[in-house]
N, C-alpha and C. Protein backbone atom coordinates (compact mmCIF):
# COMPACT_ATOMS: atom_id res chain seq x y z
N MET A 1 -218.78 25.44 146.84
CA MET A 1 -217.44 27.10 146.28
C MET A 1 -216.17 27.77 147.15
N SER A 2 -215.20 27.76 147.06
CA SER A 2 -214.32 28.03 147.71
C SER A 2 -213.44 29.11 147.34
N GLU A 3 -212.81 29.64 148.79
CA GLU A 3 -212.74 31.02 149.02
C GLU A 3 -211.58 30.94 148.69
N THR A 4 -210.36 31.35 147.91
CA THR A 4 -208.53 31.67 148.05
C THR A 4 -208.50 32.82 147.93
N LYS A 5 -206.98 32.68 148.95
CA LYS A 5 -206.71 34.00 148.60
C LYS A 5 -205.18 34.29 148.71
N GLU A 6 -203.99 35.36 147.99
CA GLU A 6 -202.90 35.44 147.29
C GLU A 6 -202.29 34.75 149.07
N THR A 7 -202.52 34.45 149.87
CA THR A 7 -201.63 34.53 151.31
C THR A 7 -201.50 33.38 151.68
N LEU A 8 -202.37 32.60 150.40
CA LEU A 8 -202.09 30.61 151.21
C LEU A 8 -200.50 30.40 150.61
N SER A 9 -200.44 29.45 152.35
CA SER A 9 -199.42 28.89 151.85
C SER A 9 -198.73 27.47 152.11
N GLY A 10 -197.87 26.58 151.72
CA GLY A 10 -197.13 25.43 151.82
C GLY A 10 -196.97 24.71 150.50
N TYR A 11 -196.41 25.87 149.68
CA TYR A 11 -195.76 25.12 148.63
C TYR A 11 -194.72 26.32 148.66
N SER A 12 -193.34 25.79 148.48
CA SER A 12 -192.48 26.10 148.00
C SER A 12 -192.09 26.86 146.39
N ASP A 13 -191.08 27.42 146.23
CA ASP A 13 -191.06 28.58 144.72
C ASP A 13 -190.59 27.36 144.49
N SER A 14 -190.03 26.50 144.48
CA SER A 14 -189.69 24.97 143.60
C SER A 14 -190.78 24.60 142.88
N ALA A 15 -191.57 23.94 143.74
CA ALA A 15 -193.13 23.84 143.14
C ALA A 15 -193.18 24.15 141.83
N TYR A 16 -192.98 25.38 141.44
CA TYR A 16 -193.07 26.50 140.10
C TYR A 16 -193.09 25.84 139.55
N GLU A 17 -191.38 25.83 140.44
CA GLU A 17 -190.05 25.93 138.92
C GLU A 17 -190.07 23.98 138.67
N ALA A 18 -191.21 23.37 138.97
CA ALA A 18 -191.71 22.19 138.74
C ALA A 18 -192.21 21.62 137.42
N LEU A 19 -192.54 23.32 137.14
CA LEU A 19 -193.19 22.70 135.69
C LEU A 19 -192.45 22.26 134.74
N GLY A 20 -191.12 23.48 134.24
CA GLY A 20 -190.18 23.21 133.31
C GLY A 20 -189.82 24.15 133.25
N ALA A 21 -188.89 24.83 132.01
CA ALA A 21 -188.35 25.73 131.18
C ALA A 21 -190.19 26.69 130.80
N ASP A 22 -190.36 28.11 131.30
CA ASP A 22 -191.68 29.11 131.04
C ASP A 22 -191.12 29.46 129.34
N PRO A 23 -191.61 28.80 128.22
CA PRO A 23 -191.74 28.87 126.77
C PRO A 23 -192.08 30.18 126.76
N ALA A 24 -192.59 31.55 127.50
CA ALA A 24 -192.95 32.27 127.41
C ALA A 24 -191.80 33.09 127.79
N ARG A 25 -190.86 33.06 128.34
CA ARG A 25 -189.92 33.72 128.54
C ARG A 25 -189.13 34.37 127.53
N LYS A 26 -189.44 33.99 126.35
CA LYS A 26 -188.39 34.01 124.65
C LYS A 26 -189.48 35.28 124.41
N LEU A 27 -190.13 36.12 125.13
CA LEU A 27 -191.22 36.81 124.74
C LEU A 27 -190.32 37.81 125.58
N TYR A 28 -189.44 37.96 126.12
CA TYR A 28 -189.27 39.01 127.16
C TYR A 28 -188.79 39.69 126.43
N LEU A 29 -187.65 39.69 125.47
CA LEU A 29 -187.10 40.44 124.81
C LEU A 29 -187.80 41.63 123.61
N GLN A 30 -189.13 40.71 123.12
CA GLN A 30 -189.76 41.74 122.31
C GLN A 30 -190.93 42.59 123.49
N TYR A 31 -190.47 42.09 124.03
CA TYR A 31 -191.67 42.54 125.15
C TYR A 31 -191.54 43.04 126.99
N PRO A 32 -190.25 43.65 126.64
CA PRO A 32 -189.92 43.85 127.95
C PRO A 32 -190.56 44.99 129.24
N GLY A 33 -192.50 45.04 129.64
CA GLY A 33 -193.29 45.39 130.26
C GLY A 33 -193.70 43.31 130.05
N LEU A 34 -194.05 42.81 130.43
CA LEU A 34 -193.99 40.93 130.48
C LEU A 34 -192.51 41.14 131.20
N LYS A 35 -191.79 40.92 131.42
CA LYS A 35 -191.02 40.29 131.84
C LYS A 35 -190.86 41.40 132.96
N GLU A 36 -190.97 43.02 133.14
CA GLU A 36 -190.71 43.68 134.17
C GLU A 36 -191.93 43.36 134.79
N ALA A 37 -193.40 43.09 134.25
CA ALA A 37 -194.34 43.00 135.23
C ALA A 37 -194.68 41.67 136.11
N GLU A 38 -193.14 40.68 135.02
CA GLU A 38 -193.35 38.79 135.98
C GLU A 38 -192.68 38.91 137.14
N GLU A 39 -191.19 39.55 136.25
CA GLU A 39 -190.29 39.69 137.22
C GLU A 39 -190.24 39.92 138.73
N SER A 40 -191.30 41.28 138.87
CA SER A 40 -191.22 42.20 139.96
C SER A 40 -192.04 41.50 140.37
N GLY A 41 -192.84 40.44 140.60
CA GLY A 41 -194.14 39.72 142.14
C GLY A 41 -194.86 39.89 140.96
N GLY A 42 -195.43 40.32 139.97
CA GLY A 42 -197.16 39.99 139.43
C GLY A 42 -197.43 39.35 138.44
N PRO A 43 -197.59 38.35 137.63
CA PRO A 43 -198.74 37.97 139.36
C PRO A 43 -198.57 37.35 140.24
N LYS A 44 -199.67 36.87 141.14
CA LYS A 44 -198.33 36.15 142.39
C LYS A 44 -198.92 34.72 141.89
N ILE A 45 -198.35 33.92 141.44
CA ILE A 45 -198.93 32.28 141.09
C ILE A 45 -198.86 31.15 141.81
N LYS A 46 -197.10 31.55 142.53
CA LYS A 46 -196.88 29.91 143.57
C LYS A 46 -197.64 30.43 145.15
N SER A 47 -198.20 31.57 144.77
CA SER A 47 -198.64 31.84 146.36
C SER A 47 -200.87 30.21 146.19
N ARG A 48 -200.64 30.41 145.08
CA ARG A 48 -202.16 29.78 144.40
C ARG A 48 -202.21 28.01 144.12
N LEU A 49 -200.54 27.68 144.11
CA LEU A 49 -200.60 26.29 144.17
C LEU A 49 -200.66 25.33 145.23
N ASP A 50 -201.16 25.28 146.85
CA ASP A 50 -201.79 25.24 147.29
C ASP A 50 -203.79 25.02 146.99
N ILE A 51 -204.07 26.01 145.67
CA ILE A 51 -205.75 25.29 146.05
C ILE A 51 -205.52 24.11 145.08
N LEU A 52 -204.89 23.90 143.98
CA LEU A 52 -204.35 22.45 143.24
C LEU A 52 -204.88 21.49 142.97
N SER A 53 -204.16 21.22 144.67
CA SER A 53 -205.07 19.87 145.15
C SER A 53 -206.30 19.51 145.76
N LEU A 54 -207.29 20.82 145.76
CA LEU A 54 -208.71 20.66 145.40
C LEU A 54 -209.25 20.58 144.13
N ILE A 55 -208.21 21.00 143.15
CA ILE A 55 -209.57 21.16 142.22
C ILE A 55 -209.62 19.59 141.24
N PRO A 56 -210.27 19.24 140.59
CA PRO A 56 -210.51 17.32 140.38
C PRO A 56 -209.94 16.92 139.48
N ARG A 57 -209.40 16.33 138.52
CA ARG A 57 -208.36 16.34 137.63
C ARG A 57 -209.64 15.40 136.46
N ASN A 58 -208.92 15.66 135.52
CA ASN A 58 -208.97 14.95 134.52
C ASN A 58 -210.47 15.40 133.86
N LYS A 59 -211.21 16.90 134.53
CA LYS A 59 -212.76 17.09 134.31
C LYS A 59 -211.87 18.32 133.34
N ILE A 60 -213.60 18.94 132.97
CA ILE A 60 -213.40 20.47 132.42
C ILE A 60 -214.16 21.88 132.98
N GLY A 61 -213.47 22.65 132.55
CA GLY A 61 -212.52 23.45 133.84
C GLY A 61 -212.46 24.44 132.38
N ALA A 62 -212.95 25.90 134.22
CA ALA A 62 -212.50 26.89 133.45
C ALA A 62 -211.78 28.25 134.23
N GLU A 63 -211.16 29.03 133.57
CA GLU A 63 -210.40 29.98 134.19
C GLU A 63 -210.54 31.26 133.80
N ILE A 64 -211.09 31.75 134.44
CA ILE A 64 -212.23 33.43 133.86
C ILE A 64 -211.67 34.57 134.65
N GLY A 65 -210.11 35.09 133.68
CA GLY A 65 -209.65 35.70 134.37
C GLY A 65 -208.19 35.43 134.07
N VAL A 66 -207.46 35.10 133.04
CA VAL A 66 -206.09 34.76 132.88
C VAL A 66 -205.41 35.29 132.76
N PHE A 67 -205.18 36.50 132.67
CA PHE A 67 -203.85 37.99 132.48
C PHE A 67 -202.34 37.42 131.12
N THR A 68 -201.61 36.14 131.89
CA THR A 68 -200.69 36.00 131.17
C THR A 68 -200.81 35.10 130.95
N GLY A 69 -200.67 33.69 131.78
CA GLY A 69 -201.31 32.24 131.23
C GLY A 69 -200.62 31.70 132.89
N ARG A 70 -200.04 32.34 133.98
CA ARG A 70 -199.17 31.54 134.12
C ARG A 70 -199.48 30.54 135.40
N PHE A 71 -200.01 31.62 135.93
CA PHE A 71 -201.69 29.90 135.85
C PHE A 71 -201.89 29.12 135.55
N SER A 72 -203.05 28.92 134.67
CA SER A 72 -203.43 28.54 133.60
C SER A 72 -202.26 27.05 133.31
N ARG A 73 -201.00 27.95 132.89
CA ARG A 73 -199.67 26.04 132.92
C ARG A 73 -199.61 25.56 133.92
N ALA A 74 -199.90 26.21 135.37
CA ALA A 74 -199.70 25.03 136.67
C ALA A 74 -201.29 24.14 136.49
N LEU A 75 -202.58 24.94 136.12
CA LEU A 75 -203.84 24.20 136.37
C LEU A 75 -203.51 23.28 134.94
N ILE A 76 -203.07 23.30 133.65
CA ILE A 76 -202.80 22.07 133.05
C ILE A 76 -201.83 20.55 133.04
N ASN A 77 -200.75 20.97 134.04
CA ASN A 77 -199.76 20.32 134.66
C ASN A 77 -200.31 19.93 135.69
N TYR A 78 -201.22 20.16 136.38
CA TYR A 78 -201.27 19.95 137.97
C TYR A 78 -202.94 18.59 137.89
N THR A 79 -204.02 19.52 137.30
CA THR A 79 -205.24 19.28 137.26
C THR A 79 -205.37 18.14 136.01
N LYS A 80 -204.72 17.45 134.96
CA LYS A 80 -204.59 17.70 133.47
C LYS A 80 -206.21 17.55 133.53
N PRO A 81 -206.87 18.39 132.65
CA PRO A 81 -207.68 18.46 132.36
C PRO A 81 -208.64 17.83 131.27
N GLU A 82 -209.40 18.15 131.05
CA GLU A 82 -209.76 17.21 130.23
C GLU A 82 -210.45 18.30 129.07
N ARG A 83 -210.63 19.77 129.22
CA ARG A 83 -210.88 21.19 128.55
C ARG A 83 -210.72 21.84 129.03
N LEU A 84 -209.86 22.83 129.28
CA LEU A 84 -209.17 24.03 130.06
C LEU A 84 -209.96 24.88 129.50
N TYR A 85 -210.70 26.05 129.75
CA TYR A 85 -211.53 26.86 128.54
C TYR A 85 -210.93 28.47 129.20
N LEU A 86 -210.04 29.07 128.07
CA LEU A 86 -208.99 30.62 129.08
C LEU A 86 -209.72 31.50 129.34
N VAL A 87 -210.97 32.36 130.42
CA VAL A 87 -211.49 33.18 128.96
C VAL A 87 -210.59 34.45 130.55
N ASP A 88 -210.85 35.60 128.94
CA ASP A 88 -209.64 36.29 129.41
C ASP A 88 -210.11 37.55 128.45
N ALA A 89 -211.31 38.50 128.54
CA ALA A 89 -211.12 40.17 127.74
C ALA A 89 -209.95 40.86 126.81
N TRP A 90 -208.84 40.76 127.59
CA TRP A 90 -207.53 41.11 126.96
C TRP A 90 -207.61 42.46 126.67
N HIS A 91 -207.57 42.79 125.51
CA HIS A 91 -207.43 44.56 124.86
C HIS A 91 -209.50 44.34 124.63
N LEU A 92 -210.29 43.56 124.02
CA LEU A 92 -211.83 43.95 123.71
C LEU A 92 -211.52 45.19 125.83
N LEU A 93 -211.43 44.74 126.56
CA LEU A 93 -211.32 45.23 127.93
C LEU A 93 -210.45 46.96 127.78
N TRP A 94 -209.22 46.28 127.58
CA TRP A 94 -208.58 47.42 128.38
C TRP A 94 -207.87 47.69 127.35
N GLY A 95 -207.83 47.95 125.87
CA GLY A 95 -206.96 48.35 124.52
C GLY A 95 -205.22 47.61 124.38
N SER A 96 -204.88 48.49 124.18
CA SER A 96 -203.64 48.13 123.50
C SER A 96 -202.41 47.53 125.32
N HIS A 97 -203.32 48.18 126.25
CA HIS A 97 -202.42 47.69 127.91
C HIS A 97 -203.26 47.62 128.90
N PHE A 98 -201.94 47.18 130.16
CA PHE A 98 -203.42 46.82 130.91
C PHE A 98 -203.00 48.26 131.68
N PRO A 99 -204.12 48.14 132.94
CA PRO A 99 -204.25 49.83 133.18
C PRO A 99 -202.29 49.51 134.13
N ASN A 100 -202.99 51.08 134.72
CA ASN A 100 -201.80 50.49 136.22
C ASN A 100 -201.99 50.35 137.14
N TRP A 101 -201.65 48.65 137.16
CA TRP A 101 -201.86 47.80 138.65
C TRP A 101 -200.53 47.61 138.97
N ASN A 102 -200.16 46.87 139.71
CA ASN A 102 -198.99 46.08 140.36
C ASN A 102 -198.50 45.51 139.65
N SER A 103 -199.29 44.72 139.43
CA SER A 103 -199.39 43.09 138.59
C SER A 103 -198.56 43.18 136.65
N THR A 104 -199.29 45.00 136.44
CA THR A 104 -198.78 45.65 134.98
C THR A 104 -197.56 46.10 134.90
N ALA A 105 -196.10 45.79 135.58
CA ALA A 105 -195.22 46.80 135.13
C ALA A 105 -195.37 48.98 135.37
N GLU A 106 -196.50 48.63 136.30
CA GLU A 106 -197.02 50.20 136.39
C GLU A 106 -197.79 50.70 134.66
N GLY A 107 -198.49 49.90 134.07
CA GLY A 107 -198.99 50.27 133.12
C GLY A 107 -198.39 49.66 131.39
N LYS A 108 -197.05 49.84 132.61
CA LYS A 108 -196.16 48.60 130.64
C LYS A 108 -196.32 48.12 130.04
N LEU A 109 -197.11 46.73 130.44
CA LEU A 109 -197.90 45.32 130.17
C LEU A 109 -199.16 45.56 129.09
N GLU A 110 -198.34 44.60 127.57
CA GLU A 110 -199.55 44.65 126.39
C GLU A 110 -200.21 43.38 126.41
N THR A 111 -201.44 43.71 126.35
CA THR A 111 -202.25 43.07 126.52
C THR A 111 -201.94 41.65 125.74
N ASP A 112 -201.70 42.44 124.09
CA ASP A 112 -201.12 40.92 122.49
C ASP A 112 -199.92 40.41 123.68
N ALA A 113 -198.92 41.27 123.78
CA ALA A 113 -198.28 40.19 125.17
C ALA A 113 -198.75 39.65 125.69
N ALA A 114 -199.66 39.84 126.99
CA ALA A 114 -200.31 38.50 127.33
C ALA A 114 -201.13 37.03 127.06
N ILE A 115 -201.53 37.45 125.48
CA ILE A 115 -202.16 36.76 125.05
C ILE A 115 -200.88 36.00 124.75
N LYS A 116 -199.75 37.07 123.85
CA LYS A 116 -199.24 35.52 123.43
C LYS A 116 -198.58 34.72 124.24
N ALA A 117 -198.15 35.39 125.56
CA ALA A 117 -197.76 34.29 126.51
C ALA A 117 -198.32 33.12 127.13
N THR A 118 -199.67 33.83 127.29
CA THR A 118 -201.13 32.86 127.63
C THR A 118 -201.02 31.37 126.53
N ARG A 119 -200.90 31.96 125.38
CA ARG A 119 -201.05 30.88 123.70
C ARG A 119 -199.37 29.94 124.37
N LEU A 120 -198.22 30.30 124.26
CA LEU A 120 -196.62 29.72 124.51
C LEU A 120 -197.14 28.79 126.68
N ARG A 121 -197.72 29.03 126.84
CA ARG A 121 -198.12 28.65 127.97
C ARG A 121 -198.87 27.13 127.94
N THR A 122 -200.12 27.54 127.33
CA THR A 122 -200.90 26.38 127.40
C THR A 122 -200.50 25.77 126.03
N ALA A 123 -199.69 25.67 125.23
CA ALA A 123 -199.61 24.97 123.79
C ALA A 123 -199.70 23.21 124.39
N GLU A 124 -199.17 22.50 124.76
CA GLU A 124 -199.03 21.71 125.12
C GLU A 124 -199.85 21.12 126.79
N PRO A 125 -200.64 20.50 127.42
CA PRO A 125 -200.59 19.52 125.69
C PRO A 125 -201.76 19.73 124.30
N LYS A 126 -201.53 19.39 123.33
CA LYS A 126 -202.38 19.96 122.16
C LYS A 126 -203.59 19.82 122.65
N ASP A 127 -205.00 20.78 122.37
CA ASP A 127 -205.89 20.58 121.96
C ASP A 127 -206.75 21.09 123.54
N VAL A 128 -206.14 20.73 124.47
CA VAL A 128 -206.86 20.72 125.77
C VAL A 128 -207.09 22.22 126.24
N ALA A 129 -206.37 23.29 125.91
CA ALA A 129 -206.29 23.96 126.42
C ALA A 129 -207.30 25.04 124.67
N LYS A 130 -208.56 25.70 125.42
CA LYS A 130 -209.16 26.64 124.40
C LYS A 130 -208.99 28.42 125.16
N ILE A 131 -208.68 29.05 123.93
CA ILE A 131 -208.27 29.82 124.85
C ILE A 131 -208.73 30.99 124.20
N VAL A 132 -209.98 31.64 124.66
CA VAL A 132 -211.49 32.72 124.34
C VAL A 132 -210.99 33.67 124.96
N ILE A 133 -211.25 34.47 123.74
CA ILE A 133 -211.13 36.34 123.82
C ILE A 133 -212.48 36.88 124.34
N SER A 134 -212.84 36.98 125.20
CA SER A 134 -214.28 37.28 125.30
C SER A 134 -214.46 37.98 127.41
N GLU A 135 -215.54 39.17 126.85
CA GLU A 135 -215.29 39.47 128.11
C GLU A 135 -216.83 38.13 128.90
N SER A 136 -216.66 37.37 130.39
CA SER A 136 -217.25 36.61 131.14
C SER A 136 -218.73 35.75 131.18
N LEU A 137 -219.71 36.73 130.73
CA LEU A 137 -220.62 36.91 131.05
C LEU A 137 -221.27 36.47 129.29
N PRO A 138 -221.31 37.63 128.46
CA PRO A 138 -220.96 36.39 126.95
C PRO A 138 -221.29 35.00 127.25
N TRP A 139 -220.13 34.57 127.57
CA TRP A 139 -219.17 33.72 127.26
C TRP A 139 -219.97 32.31 127.80
N LEU A 140 -220.39 32.61 129.14
CA LEU A 140 -220.77 31.39 129.98
C LEU A 140 -222.52 32.27 129.48
N GLU A 141 -223.52 33.11 128.53
CA GLU A 141 -224.89 32.64 128.03
C GLU A 141 -224.22 31.32 127.56
N SER A 142 -222.51 31.38 126.21
CA SER A 142 -223.31 30.76 125.44
C SER A 142 -222.86 28.79 125.31
N LEU A 143 -222.66 28.50 126.93
CA LEU A 143 -221.90 27.54 127.15
C LEU A 143 -223.19 27.01 127.19
N PRO A 144 -223.32 25.07 127.02
CA PRO A 144 -224.87 24.53 127.70
C PRO A 144 -225.11 24.07 128.91
N PRO A 145 -226.35 23.75 129.11
CA PRO A 145 -225.72 23.94 130.83
C PRO A 145 -225.71 22.59 131.01
N LEU A 146 -225.33 22.39 132.37
CA LEU A 146 -224.16 21.03 133.36
C LEU A 146 -222.98 20.95 132.61
N HIS A 147 -222.48 21.94 132.42
CA HIS A 147 -220.73 21.71 131.32
C HIS A 147 -220.27 21.43 131.69
N LEU A 148 -219.42 22.78 132.86
CA LEU A 148 -218.69 22.28 133.65
C LEU A 148 -218.48 21.97 135.13
N ASP A 149 -216.89 21.10 135.32
CA ASP A 149 -217.09 20.84 136.36
C ASP A 149 -216.59 21.85 136.82
N TRP A 150 -214.85 22.97 136.51
CA TRP A 150 -214.85 23.88 138.39
C TRP A 150 -214.41 25.15 136.74
N VAL A 151 -214.85 26.06 138.21
CA VAL A 151 -214.24 27.49 137.11
C VAL A 151 -213.39 27.50 138.39
N TYR A 152 -212.31 28.07 138.45
CA TYR A 152 -211.81 29.79 139.21
C TYR A 152 -211.46 30.96 138.42
N LEU A 153 -212.72 31.44 139.32
CA LEU A 153 -212.62 33.05 138.94
C LEU A 153 -211.91 34.25 139.59
N ASP A 154 -211.30 34.63 139.09
CA ASP A 154 -210.05 36.08 138.97
C ASP A 154 -210.12 37.02 138.27
N SER A 155 -211.78 38.01 138.10
CA SER A 155 -212.11 38.45 137.13
C SER A 155 -212.25 40.59 137.88
N SER A 156 -213.78 40.83 137.70
CA SER A 156 -213.01 41.17 137.71
C SER A 156 -212.95 42.57 139.55
N HIS A 157 -212.99 41.79 140.43
CA HIS A 157 -212.91 41.75 141.78
C HIS A 157 -213.86 42.67 142.50
N GLY A 158 -215.17 42.82 141.99
CA GLY A 158 -216.14 44.42 141.86
C GLY A 158 -217.63 43.44 142.37
N TYR A 159 -217.85 43.50 143.33
CA TYR A 159 -219.44 44.20 143.53
C TYR A 159 -220.46 42.79 143.33
N LYS A 160 -220.82 43.80 142.05
CA LYS A 160 -221.75 43.38 141.16
C LYS A 160 -221.91 42.54 140.27
N LYS A 161 -220.41 42.79 139.62
CA LYS A 161 -220.14 42.05 138.65
C LYS A 161 -220.01 40.43 138.86
N THR A 162 -219.14 40.57 140.08
CA THR A 162 -218.88 39.32 140.34
C THR A 162 -220.70 38.45 140.76
N LYS A 163 -221.13 39.24 141.51
CA LYS A 163 -222.51 38.58 141.91
C LYS A 163 -223.73 38.04 140.96
N MET A 164 -223.05 38.96 139.51
CA MET A 164 -223.59 38.50 137.79
C MET A 164 -222.75 37.49 137.97
N GLU A 165 -221.32 36.82 137.60
CA GLU A 165 -220.67 35.92 137.17
C GLU A 165 -221.01 35.03 137.94
N LEU A 166 -221.16 35.33 139.73
CA LEU A 166 -221.66 33.46 140.01
C LEU A 166 -222.70 33.33 139.26
N ALA A 167 -224.06 34.49 139.78
CA ALA A 167 -224.93 33.19 138.58
C ALA A 167 -225.22 33.67 137.65
N ALA A 168 -224.31 33.47 136.64
CA ALA A 168 -224.10 33.23 134.90
C ALA A 168 -222.92 31.87 135.59
N ILE A 169 -222.42 31.41 135.94
CA ILE A 169 -221.10 30.35 135.88
C ILE A 169 -222.71 28.90 136.92
N SER A 170 -223.65 29.84 138.02
CA SER A 170 -223.67 28.86 138.55
C SER A 170 -224.74 27.31 137.40
N PRO A 171 -225.70 27.36 136.17
CA PRO A 171 -226.29 26.37 136.38
C PRO A 171 -225.47 25.57 134.70
N LYS A 172 -224.93 26.67 134.95
CA LYS A 172 -223.71 25.65 133.82
C LYS A 172 -222.63 25.01 133.84
N MET A 173 -222.83 24.56 136.09
CA MET A 173 -222.60 23.64 136.59
C MET A 173 -222.49 22.04 136.90
N LYS A 174 -222.19 21.08 136.49
CA LYS A 174 -222.20 19.61 136.89
C LYS A 174 -222.89 19.82 138.33
N ILE A 175 -223.48 18.60 138.92
CA ILE A 175 -223.74 18.11 140.10
C ILE A 175 -222.14 17.79 141.37
N GLU A 176 -222.40 18.61 141.67
CA GLU A 176 -221.02 18.74 142.86
C GLU A 176 -219.99 19.11 142.40
N GLY A 177 -220.37 20.40 141.42
CA GLY A 177 -219.18 21.20 140.49
C GLY A 177 -218.93 22.29 141.11
N LEU A 178 -217.73 22.69 141.48
CA LEU A 178 -216.48 23.51 142.74
C LEU A 178 -215.91 24.83 141.85
N ILE A 179 -216.66 25.84 142.98
CA ILE A 179 -216.45 27.80 141.40
C ILE A 179 -215.25 27.65 143.07
N PHE A 180 -214.29 28.15 142.36
CA PHE A 180 -213.32 28.60 143.24
C PHE A 180 -212.66 29.76 142.04
N LEU A 181 -212.64 30.94 144.19
CA LEU A 181 -212.68 32.64 143.57
C LEU A 181 -211.55 33.08 144.88
N ASP A 182 -210.61 33.44 143.08
CA ASP A 182 -209.38 34.36 144.41
C ASP A 182 -209.86 35.79 145.01
N ASP A 183 -209.24 36.07 145.40
CA ASP A 183 -209.10 37.31 147.00
C ASP A 183 -210.40 37.45 147.33
N CYS A 184 -210.38 36.67 148.29
CA CYS A 184 -211.78 36.51 148.16
C CYS A 184 -211.29 37.30 150.03
N ARG A 185 -211.74 38.45 150.71
CA ARG A 185 -210.86 39.09 151.77
C ARG A 185 -211.73 38.89 152.73
N SER A 186 -211.59 38.61 154.08
CA SER A 186 -213.20 39.05 154.44
C SER A 186 -213.35 40.28 155.38
N ASP A 187 -211.52 40.47 155.22
CA ASP A 187 -211.37 41.94 156.64
C ASP A 187 -212.22 43.40 154.83
N ARG A 188 -213.14 43.60 156.25
CA ARG A 188 -213.74 44.92 155.53
C ARG A 188 -213.16 45.67 154.66
N SER A 189 -211.78 46.38 155.19
CA SER A 189 -211.31 46.79 154.50
C SER A 189 -210.62 47.12 153.53
N HIS A 190 -209.71 46.03 152.64
CA HIS A 190 -209.10 45.19 152.14
C HIS A 190 -209.65 45.57 150.70
N ARG A 191 -209.24 46.14 149.84
CA ARG A 191 -209.03 46.27 148.77
C ARG A 191 -209.97 45.70 148.14
N HIS A 192 -209.87 44.39 148.12
CA HIS A 192 -210.89 43.32 147.32
C HIS A 192 -212.03 42.87 148.32
N HIS A 193 -212.26 43.34 149.46
CA HIS A 193 -213.77 42.69 150.29
C HIS A 193 -214.49 42.49 149.59
N ASN A 194 -215.41 43.11 148.48
CA ASN A 194 -216.39 43.28 147.82
C ASN A 194 -216.50 41.36 147.19
N VAL A 195 -215.42 40.96 147.03
CA VAL A 195 -215.25 39.50 146.39
C VAL A 195 -216.09 38.77 147.30
N PHE A 196 -215.96 39.27 148.34
CA PHE A 196 -216.48 38.29 149.56
C PHE A 196 -217.35 38.49 150.12
N ARG A 197 -218.46 39.69 150.33
CA ARG A 197 -219.23 40.11 150.13
C ARG A 197 -220.07 39.12 148.50
N ALA A 198 -219.91 39.73 147.59
CA ALA A 198 -220.39 38.90 146.86
C ALA A 198 -221.06 37.21 147.20
N VAL A 199 -220.49 36.47 147.70
CA VAL A 199 -219.56 35.03 147.41
C VAL A 199 -220.86 34.86 149.10
N GLN A 200 -220.73 35.60 150.14
CA GLN A 200 -222.00 35.54 151.46
C GLN A 200 -222.88 34.78 150.79
N GLU A 201 -223.45 36.75 149.85
CA GLU A 201 -224.57 36.83 149.96
C GLU A 201 -225.17 35.94 148.44
N PHE A 202 -224.44 35.66 147.50
CA PHE A 202 -224.69 34.34 146.49
C PHE A 202 -225.28 33.34 147.58
N SER A 203 -224.44 32.93 148.09
CA SER A 203 -224.57 31.44 148.89
C SER A 203 -225.93 32.01 150.07
N LYS A 204 -226.54 32.65 149.89
CA LYS A 204 -227.53 32.34 151.30
C LYS A 204 -228.14 32.60 150.48
N GLU A 205 -228.93 33.40 149.44
CA GLU A 205 -229.87 33.30 148.32
C GLU A 205 -229.52 32.18 147.31
N THR A 206 -228.76 30.97 147.06
CA THR A 206 -229.60 30.25 146.86
C THR A 206 -228.39 28.35 147.49
N GLU A 207 -227.96 27.32 146.66
CA GLU A 207 -228.35 26.19 147.44
C GLU A 207 -226.96 25.52 147.39
N TRP A 208 -226.06 27.08 147.03
CA TRP A 208 -224.50 26.69 147.27
C TRP A 208 -223.65 26.89 148.23
N GLU A 209 -222.83 26.08 149.02
CA GLU A 209 -221.71 25.98 149.93
C GLU A 209 -221.12 26.02 149.73
N ILE A 210 -220.72 27.26 150.58
CA ILE A 210 -218.65 27.82 150.98
C ILE A 210 -218.05 26.64 151.93
N PHE A 211 -216.55 26.13 150.99
CA PHE A 211 -215.96 25.62 152.12
C PHE A 211 -214.71 25.81 151.80
């Protein structure tokens, strides 16, 4: 189990640019909220690129909490997955627009735009990405045991929900599987400290190790 933070460094902006032209930019005219959200710095994808070197290549993985698919694109490009599940509730949870977050252009970002952007960004290579419009727990329950090699968890950031997700992920992981968590903050004053709490407690209660 690996804890990741948005303050990771080691990759320059050119690492993300190396992915090539972004196919979802064609949506910016139709969805100005998408353009504003992504050009204002959210989501902070470039700061996550360090973690890619730890994710095993040519395996079966899942990203839970996809948003607009920018990190999904990097996951496909760098880890060359056999299969990548992209799981997000999008409109099922939020309706037509995301809440007023820093990364949503103050609530102007439409969930429909996020799904379309994800589809465009993960269309190639064909038959690798499987977009799953669902909340995390029902989808995890539907998987067979020992199915996943790795999971990148970036969903609710709440204490109770994160512990529930970790418990649901665990039996679906293959031996030596890896779980990566976004925004795992040890600082008690940080708004996402509950992710850290959930990880620490889950590790103590199970055989999962933190590295």
